[in-house]
Amino acid sequence: DPEDRSCEILVVGCGSSTLSEALYTEGFSSITNIDKCSQLIEAMKARHQQQIDGPPAGAKGKKPEKAKAPSPDPVPGRPPMTFLEADVRDLPQDWTGKFDLVLDKALLDSVTCGPDKWQNVETAMRSVRRVLKPSSGCYVCVSHAGPEVRKKMILGPYQENATVSADYGWNFTHVTTPRPLINPNIDPKSKEKFELVKSPNYDPSMDVYNIYICKLGEHS
């Protein structure tokens, strides 16, 4: 339920993305972020604390800035996000059946670029499937690769024409969204804007993010 701000969310391979921060600002309360890099996890913890505390008052050479208020918070005094060093292929056993939503922003792309990709993809998918709530959990994968490449990885081998995975039991849906030609997070008042210019051969249908939605409990 997109309106349920109390749902349990796991962001795998969080990296330095601002995705989790955006979700937290929108009022989502229970967000766990994992990455294999311990230094990055520590840096993200510090950055999130700055998000909670707001910008420092009276920074040198600048006027004090008013902290950007988050969306109305349905959970007063909500806890901060959790950041943990962990590998998506070996998620903690006590997370079994815990999460409503697992978000993957290009982690699968990263796994497929490494050695033993087929074995690692299968291990990762089984691990993700295990931590989802069995009757309602959803895995969402944002990828640069199209369904001709990713579908057989997300559903399992030899299931390119299926809509329900025989291996993982989830219902598969694919949608796309256009890639922005300018950074959507950039300050609109900034003088250092960088924008791509469309060429005569530009094909917007090819310049998209692929979003794979894998939902449990939607088939008989």
C-alpha atoms as a PDB file:
ATOM      1  CA  ASP A   1       0.000   0.000   0.000  1.00  0.00           C
ATOM      2  CA  PRO A   2       1.741   3.216  -1.161  1.00  0.00           C
ATOM      3  CA  GLU A   3      -0.115   5.167   1.541  1.00  0.00           C
ATOM      4  CA  ASP A   4       1.146   2.948   4.387  1.00  0.00           C
ATOM      5  CA  ARG A   5       4.078   4.927   5.763  1.00  0.00           C
ATOM      6  CA  SER A   6       4.730   2.255   8.409  1.00  0.00           C
ATOM      7  CA  CYS A   7       5.596  -0.524   5.936  1.00  0.00           C
ATOM      8  CA  GLU A   8       8.935  -2.287   6.360  1.00  0.00           C
ATOM      9  CA  ILE A   9      11.322  -1.324   3.520  1.00  0.00           C
ATOM     10  CA  LEU A  10      14.705  -2.864   2.717  1.00  0.00           C
ATOM     11  CA  VAL A  11      16.995  -1.011   0.281  1.00  0.00           C
ATOM     12  CA  VAL A  12      19.647  -3.425  -1.010  1.00  0.00           C
ATOM     13  CA  GLY A  13      22.960  -2.107  -2.310  1.00  0.00           C
ATOM     14  CA  CYS A  14      21.985   1.378  -1.160  1.00  0.00           C
ATOM     15  CA  GLY A  15      25.283   2.961  -2.216  1.00  0.00           C
ATOM     16  CA  SER A  16      25.290   6.759  -1.909  1.00  0.00           C
ATOM     17  CA  SER A  17      21.868   7.141  -3.538  1.00  0.00           C
ATOM     18  CA  THR A  18      19.428   9.694  -2.129  1.00  0.00           C
ATOM     19  CA  LEU A  19      16.485   7.306  -2.679  1.00  0.00           C
ATOM     20  CA  SER A  20      16.190   6.331   0.998  1.00  0.00           C
ATOM     21  CA  GLU A  21      16.462   9.950   2.128  1.00  0.00           C
ATOM     22  CA  ALA A  22      13.624  10.886  -0.215  1.00  0.00           C
ATOM     23  CA  LEU A  23      11.449   8.084   1.195  1.00  0.00           C
ATOM     24  CA  TYR A  24      12.234   9.176   4.747  1.00  0.00           C
ATOM     25  CA  THR A  25      11.344  12.772   3.909  1.00  0.00           C
ATOM     26  CA  GLU A  26       8.015  11.520   2.557  1.00  0.00           C
ATOM     27  CA  GLY A  27       7.258  10.041   5.968  1.00  0.00           C
ATOM     28  CA  PHE A  28       8.184   6.366   5.590  1.00  0.00           C
ATOM     29  CA  SER A  29       9.290   5.242   9.027  1.00  0.00           C
ATOM     30  CA  SER A  30      10.889   1.794   8.804  1.00  0.00           C
ATOM     31  CA  ILE A  31      13.728   1.792   6.281  1.00  0.00           C
ATOM     32  CA  THR A  32      16.729  -0.542   6.445  1.00  0.00           C
ATOM     33  CA  ASN A  33      19.651   0.124   4.082  1.00  0.00           C
ATOM     34  CA  ILE A  34      22.399  -2.390   3.336  1.00  0.00           C
ATOM     35  CA  ASP A  35      25.626  -2.326   1.371  1.00  0.00           C
ATOM     36  CA  LYS A  36      28.779  -4.457   1.360  1.00  0.00           C
ATOM     37  CA  CYS A  37      31.056  -1.435   1.805  1.00  0.00           C
ATOM     38  CA  SER A  38      31.542  -0.651   5.510  1.00  0.00           C
ATOM     39  CA  GLN A  39      33.056   2.803   4.864  1.00  0.00           C
ATOM     40  CA  LEU A  40      30.090   3.780   2.739  1.00  0.00           C
ATOM     41  CA  ILE A  41      27.631   2.610   5.395  1.00  0.00           C
ATOM     42  CA  GLU A  42      29.365   4.787   7.995  1.00  0.00           C
ATOM     43  CA  ALA A  43      29.282   7.757   5.620  1.00  0.00           C
ATOM     44  CA  MET A  44      25.572   7.225   4.943  1.00  0.00           C
ATOM     45  CA  LYS A  45      24.821   7.062   8.664  1.00  0.00           C
ATOM     46  CA  ALA A  46      26.515  10.423   9.106  1.00  0.00           C
ATOM     47  CA  ARG A  47      24.699  11.929   6.132  1.00  0.00           C
ATOM     48  CA  HIS A  48      21.351  10.709   7.436  1.00  0.00           C
ATOM     49  CA  GLN A  49      22.077  12.243  10.837  1.00  0.00           C
ATOM     50  CA  GLN A  50      22.624  15.545   9.068  1.00  0.00           C
ATOM     51  CA  GLN A  51      19.261  15.072   7.353  1.00  0.00           C
ATOM     52  CA  ILE A  52      17.615  14.618  10.754  1.00  0.00           C
ATOM     53  CA  ASP A  53      19.470  17.499  12.430  1.00  0.00           C
ATOM     54  CA  GLY A  54      19.040  19.913   9.529  1.00  0.00           C
ATOM     55  CA  PRO A  55      21.752  22.236   8.124  1.00  0.00           C
ATOM     56  CA  PRO A  56      24.076  23.871  10.648  1.00  0.00           C
ATOM     57  CA  ALA A  57      22.982  27.317  11.739  1.00  0.00           C
ATOM     58  CA  GLY A  58      25.163  30.283  10.807  1.00  0.00           C
ATOM     59  CA  ALA A  59      27.618  28.513   8.528  1.00  0.00           C
ATOM     60  CA  LYS A  60      30.592  30.781   7.738  1.00  0.00           C
ATOM     61  CA  GLY A  61      29.876  33.096   4.840  1.00  0.00           C
ATOM     62  CA  LYS A  62      26.232  32.037   4.646  1.00  0.00           C
ATOM     63  CA  LYS A  63      23.012  33.080   6.258  1.00  0.00           C
ATOM     64  CA  PRO A  64      21.435  30.547   8.588  1.00  0.00           C
ATOM     65  CA  GLU A  65      19.257  28.221   6.563  1.00  0.00           C
ATOM     66  CA  LYS A  66      15.922  26.897   7.631  1.00  0.00           C
ATOM     67  CA  ALA A  67      15.818  23.101   7.580  1.00  0.00           C
ATOM     68  CA  LYS A  68      13.562  21.697   4.915  1.00  0.00           C
ATOM     69  CA  ALA A  69      10.552  20.259   6.684  1.00  0.00           C
ATOM     70  CA  PRO A  70       9.607  16.685   5.816  1.00  0.00           C
ATOM     71  CA  SER A  71       6.092  15.703   4.835  1.00  0.00           C
ATOM     72  CA  PRO A  72       3.589  15.469   7.714  1.00  0.00           C
ATOM     73  CA  ASP A  73       4.889  12.710   9.961  1.00  0.00           C
ATOM     74  CA  PRO A  74       2.305  10.047  10.920  1.00  0.00           C
ATOM     75  CA  VAL A  75       4.698   8.656  13.563  1.00  0.00           C
ATOM     76  CA  PRO A  76       5.852  11.392  15.991  1.00  0.00           C
ATOM     77  CA  GLY A  77       9.384  10.769  17.228  1.00  0.00           C
ATOM     78  CA  ARG A  78       9.997   8.133  14.574  1.00  0.00           C
ATOM     79  CA  PRO A  79      13.384   6.418  14.672  1.00  0.00           C
ATOM     80  CA  PRO A  80      16.132   7.145  12.144  1.00  0.00           C
ATOM     81  CA  MET A  81      16.807   4.849   9.230  1.00  0.00           C
ATOM     82  CA  THR A  82      18.992   1.796   9.782  1.00  0.00           C
ATOM     83  CA  PHE A  83      22.266   1.311   7.867  1.00  0.00           C
ATOM     84  CA  LEU A  84      24.008  -2.074   7.982  1.00  0.00           C
ATOM     85  CA  GLU A  85      26.933  -3.732   6.265  1.00  0.00           C
ATOM     86  CA  ALA A  86      25.454  -6.814   4.587  1.00  0.00           C
ATOM     87  CA  ASP A  87      25.473  -8.837   1.366  1.00  0.00           C
ATOM     88  CA  VAL A  88      22.191  -9.279  -0.499  1.00  0.00           C
ATOM     89  CA  ARG A  89      23.169 -12.907  -1.191  1.00  0.00           C
ATOM     90  CA  ASP A  90      23.278 -13.692   2.531  1.00  0.00           C
ATOM     91  CA  LEU A  91      20.697 -11.612   4.353  1.00  0.00           C
ATOM     92  CA  PRO A  92      20.240 -12.288   8.096  1.00  0.00           C
ATOM     93  CA  GLN A  93      18.092 -15.307   8.922  1.00  0.00           C
ATOM     94  CA  ASP A  94      16.041 -13.338  11.436  1.00  0.00           C
ATOM     95  CA  TRP A  95      14.828 -11.124   8.575  1.00  0.00           C
ATOM     96  CA  THR A  96      12.870 -14.012   7.046  1.00  0.00           C
ATOM     97  CA  GLY A  97       9.366 -12.828   6.114  1.00  0.00           C
ATOM     98  CA  LYS A  98       9.997  -9.355   7.570  1.00  0.00           C
ATOM     99  CA  PHE A  99       9.783  -6.846   4.701  1.00  0.00           C
ATOM    100  CA  ASP A 100       6.832  -5.453   2.778  1.00  0.00           C
ATOM    101  CA  LEU A 101       9.109  -4.015   0.092  1.00  0.00           C
ATOM    102  CA  VAL A 102      12.643  -4.694  -1.120  1.00  0.00           C
ATOM    103  CA  LEU A 103      14.059  -1.918  -3.337  1.00  0.00           C
ATOM    104  CA  ASP A 104      16.947  -2.567  -5.709  1.00  0.00           C
ATOM    105  CA  LYS A 105      18.310   0.456  -7.580  1.00  0.00           C
ATOM    106  CA  ALA A 106      20.840  -1.057 -10.003  1.00  0.00           C
ATOM    107  CA  LEU A 107      22.173  -3.644  -7.550  1.00  0.00           C
ATOM    108  CA  LEU A 108      21.189  -6.468  -9.894  1.00  0.00           C
ATOM    109  CA  ASP A 109      23.023  -4.645 -12.687  1.00  0.00           C
ATOM    110  CA  SER A 110      26.122  -4.652 -10.502  1.00  0.00           C
ATOM    111  CA  VAL A 111      25.820  -8.347  -9.648  1.00  0.00           C
ATOM    112  CA  THR A 112      25.537  -9.301 -13.306  1.00  0.00           C
ATOM    113  CA  CYS A 113      28.795  -7.478 -14.095  1.00  0.00           C
ATOM    114  CA  GLY A 114      30.776  -9.664 -11.702  1.00  0.00           C
ATOM    115  CA  PRO A 115      32.109 -13.222 -11.910  1.00  0.00           C
ATOM    116  CA  ASP A 116      29.772 -16.239 -11.593  1.00  0.00           C
ATOM    117  CA  LYS A 117      26.858 -13.946 -12.384  1.00  0.00           C
ATOM    118  CA  TRP A 118      24.216 -16.643 -12.863  1.00  0.00           C
ATOM    119  CA  GLN A 119      24.959 -18.297  -9.537  1.00  0.00           C
ATOM    120  CA  ASN A 120      25.147 -14.944  -7.730  1.00  0.00           C
ATOM    121  CA  VAL A 121      21.902 -13.709  -9.285  1.00  0.00           C
ATOM    122  CA  GLU A 122      20.041 -16.855  -8.233  1.00  0.00           C
ATOM    123  CA  THR A 123      21.479 -16.636  -4.700  1.00  0.00           C
ATOM    124  CA  ALA A 124      20.490 -12.975  -4.465  1.00  0.00           C
ATOM    125  CA  MET A 125      16.949 -13.600  -5.741  1.00  0.00           C
ATOM    126  CA  ARG A 126      16.382 -16.445  -3.284  1.00  0.00           C
ATOM    127  CA  SER A 127      17.691 -14.287  -0.441  1.00  0.00           C
ATOM    128  CA  VAL A 128      15.400 -11.390  -1.419  1.00  0.00           C
ATOM    129  CA  ARG A 129      12.436 -13.749  -1.738  1.00  0.00           C
ATOM    130  CA  ARG A 130      13.081 -15.180   1.729  1.00  0.00           C
ATOM    131  CA  VAL A 131      12.949 -11.809   3.525  1.00  0.00           C
ATOM    132  CA  LEU A 132       9.703 -10.690   1.846  1.00  0.00           C
ATOM    133  CA  LYS A 133       6.385 -11.145   3.607  1.00  0.00           C
ATOM    134  CA  PRO A 134       5.128 -14.342   1.956  1.00  0.00           C
ATOM    135  CA  SER A 135       1.576 -13.240   1.167  1.00  0.00           C
ATOM    136  CA  SER A 136       2.096  -9.608   0.216  1.00  0.00           C
ATOM    137  CA  GLY A 137       5.790  -8.751  -0.186  1.00  0.00           C
ATOM    138  CA  CYS A 138       7.060  -6.901  -3.249  1.00  0.00           C
ATOM    139  CA  TYR A 139      10.522  -6.727  -4.842  1.00  0.00           C
ATOM    140  CA  VAL A 140      11.120  -3.702  -7.090  1.00  0.00           C
ATOM    141  CA  CYS A 141      14.224  -3.661  -9.280  1.00  0.00           C
ATOM    142  CA  VAL A 142      15.290  -0.535 -11.199  1.00  0.00           C
ATOM    143  CA  SER A 143      17.681  -1.474 -13.984  1.00  0.00           C
ATOM    144  CA  HIS A 144      19.410  -0.080 -17.042  1.00  0.00           C
ATOM    145  CA  ALA A 145      18.861  -3.411 -18.824  1.00  0.00           C
ATOM    146  CA  GLY A 146      15.729  -4.334 -20.759  1.00  0.00           C
ATOM    147  CA  PRO A 147      13.481  -7.355 -20.173  1.00  0.00           C
ATOM    148  CA  GLU A 148      15.183  -9.385 -22.888  1.00  0.00           C
ATOM    149  CA  VAL A 149      18.149  -9.533 -20.506  1.00  0.00           C
ATOM    150  CA  ARG A 150      16.686  -9.188 -17.021  1.00  0.00           C
ATOM    151  CA  LYS A 151      13.445 -11.181 -17.153  1.00  0.00           C
ATOM    152  CA  LYS A 152      15.112 -14.601 -17.183  1.00  0.00           C
ATOM    153  CA  MET A 153      17.234 -13.549 -14.216  1.00  0.00           C
ATOM    154  CA  ILE A 154      14.327 -12.287 -12.128  1.00  0.00           C
ATOM    155  CA  LEU A 155      11.937 -15.125 -13.008  1.00  0.00           C
ATOM    156  CA  GLY A 156      14.485 -17.924 -13.300  1.00  0.00           C
ATOM    157  CA  PRO A 157      16.000 -19.800 -16.271  1.00  0.00           C
ATOM    158  CA  TYR A 158      13.798 -20.797 -19.224  1.00  0.00           C
ATOM    159  CA  GLN A 159      10.845 -18.675 -18.065  1.00  0.00           C
ATOM    160  CA  GLU A 160      11.088 -15.793 -20.544  1.00  0.00           C
ATOM    161  CA  ASN A 161       7.431 -16.157 -21.534  1.00  0.00           C
ATOM    162  CA  ALA A 162       6.064 -16.543 -18.017  1.00  0.00           C
ATOM    163  CA  THR A 163       4.438 -13.908 -15.826  1.00  0.00           C
ATOM    164  CA  VAL A 164       4.754 -15.861 -12.570  1.00  0.00           C
ATOM    165  CA  SER A 165       8.090 -17.257 -11.446  1.00  0.00           C
ATOM    166  CA  ALA A 166       8.130 -20.980 -10.847  1.00  0.00           C
ATOM    167  CA  ASP A 167      11.318 -20.518  -8.826  1.00  0.00           C
ATOM    168  CA  TYR A 168      10.391 -17.580  -6.590  1.00  0.00           C
ATOM    169  CA  GLY A 169       6.598 -17.474  -6.742  1.00  0.00           C
ATOM    170  CA  TRP A 170       6.240 -13.807  -7.570  1.00  0.00           C
ATOM    171  CA  ASN A 171       4.109 -12.162 -10.229  1.00  0.00           C
ATOM    172  CA  PHE A 172       6.259 -10.229 -12.720  1.00  0.00           C
ATOM    173  CA  THR A 173       5.441  -6.830 -14.232  1.00  0.00           C
ATOM    174  CA  HIS A 174       7.681  -4.561 -16.304  1.00  0.00           C
ATOM    175  CA  VAL A 175       7.236  -0.810 -16.790  1.00  0.00           C
ATOM    176  CA  THR A 176       9.553   1.978 -17.927  1.00  0.00           C
ATOM    177  CA  THR A 177      10.092   5.600 -16.976  1.00  0.00           C
ATOM    178  CA  PRO A 178      12.045   8.210 -19.005  1.00  0.00           C
ATOM    179  CA  ARG A 179      15.533   9.134 -17.890  1.00  0.00           C
ATOM    180  CA  PRO A 180      15.736  12.849 -17.071  1.00  0.00           C
ATOM    181  CA  LEU A 181      18.075  14.894 -19.248  1.00  0.00           C
ATOM    182  CA  ILE A 182      18.923  17.055 -16.261  1.00  0.00           C
ATOM    183  CA  ASN A 183      19.662  16.061 -12.680  1.00  0.00           C
ATOM    184  CA  PRO A 184      16.272  16.296 -10.893  1.00  0.00           C
ATOM    185  CA  ASN A 185      18.010  16.942  -7.553  1.00  0.00           C
ATOM    186  CA  ILE A 186      19.951  19.998  -8.690  1.00  0.00           C
ATOM    187  CA  ASP A 187      19.158  23.369  -7.165  1.00  0.00           C
ATOM    188  CA  PRO A 188      17.036  25.257  -9.759  1.00  0.00           C
ATOM    189  CA  LYS A 189      18.914  28.456  -8.827  1.00  0.00           C
ATOM    190  CA  SER A 190      22.318  26.885  -9.397  1.00  0.00           C
ATOM    191  CA  LYS A 191      24.527  28.343 -12.118  1.00  0.00           C
ATOM    192  CA  GLU A 192      26.314  25.022 -12.550  1.00  0.00           C
ATOM    193  CA  LYS A 193      23.603  23.173 -14.412  1.00  0.00           C
ATOM    194  CA  PHE A 194      24.484  20.371 -16.796  1.00  0.00           C
ATOM    195  CA  GLU A 195      21.813  19.360 -19.274  1.00  0.00           C
ATOM    196  CA  LEU A 196      21.998  16.903 -22.140  1.00  0.00           C
ATOM    197  CA  VAL A 197      20.829  18.184 -25.518  1.00  0.00           C
ATOM    198  CA  LYS A 198      18.805  15.889 -27.746  1.00  0.00           C
ATOM    199  CA  SER A 199      20.385  15.051 -31.092  1.00  0.00           C
ATOM    200  CA  PRO A 200      18.337  14.493 -34.295  1.00  0.00           C
ATOM    201  CA  ASN A 201      18.802  10.727 -33.762  1.00  0.00           C
ATOM    202  CA  TYR A 202      17.604  10.751 -30.165  1.00  0.00           C
ATOM    203  CA  ASP A 203      15.089   7.977 -29.480  1.00  0.00           C
ATOM    204  CA  PRO A 204      13.236   8.554 -26.183  1.00  0.00           C
ATOM    205  CA  SER A 205      11.878   5.000 -26.220  1.00  0.00           C
ATOM    206  CA  MET A 206      15.429   3.721 -25.747  1.00  0.00           C
ATOM    207  CA  ASP A 207      16.406   6.231 -23.061  1.00  0.00           C
ATOM    208  CA  VAL A 208      14.463   4.794 -20.135  1.00  0.00           C
ATOM    209  CA  TYR A 209      14.859   3.134 -16.777  1.00  0.00           C
ATOM    210  CA  ASN A 210      13.393  -0.352 -16.593  1.00  0.00           C
ATOM    211  CA  ILE A 211      11.365  -1.091 -13.481  1.00  0.00           C
ATOM    212  CA  TYR A 212      10.602  -4.710 -12.620  1.00  0.00           C
ATOM    213  CA  ILE A 213       7.846  -5.262 -10.056  1.00  0.00           C
ATOM    214  CA  CYS A 214       7.711  -8.705  -8.463  1.00  0.00           C
ATOM    215  CA  LYS A 215       4.689  -9.167  -6.184  1.00  0.00           C
ATOM    216  CA  LEU A 216       3.877 -12.131  -3.992  1.00  0.00           C
ATOM    217  CA  GLY A 217       0.325 -13.279  -3.331  1.00  0.00           C
ATOM    218  CA  GLU A 218      -1.247 -12.001  -6.572  1.00  0.00           C
ATOM    219  CA  HIS A 219      -1.782 -15.320  -8.330  1.00  0.00           C
ATOM    220  CA  SER A 220      -3.585 -18.522  -7.546  1.00  0.00           C
END
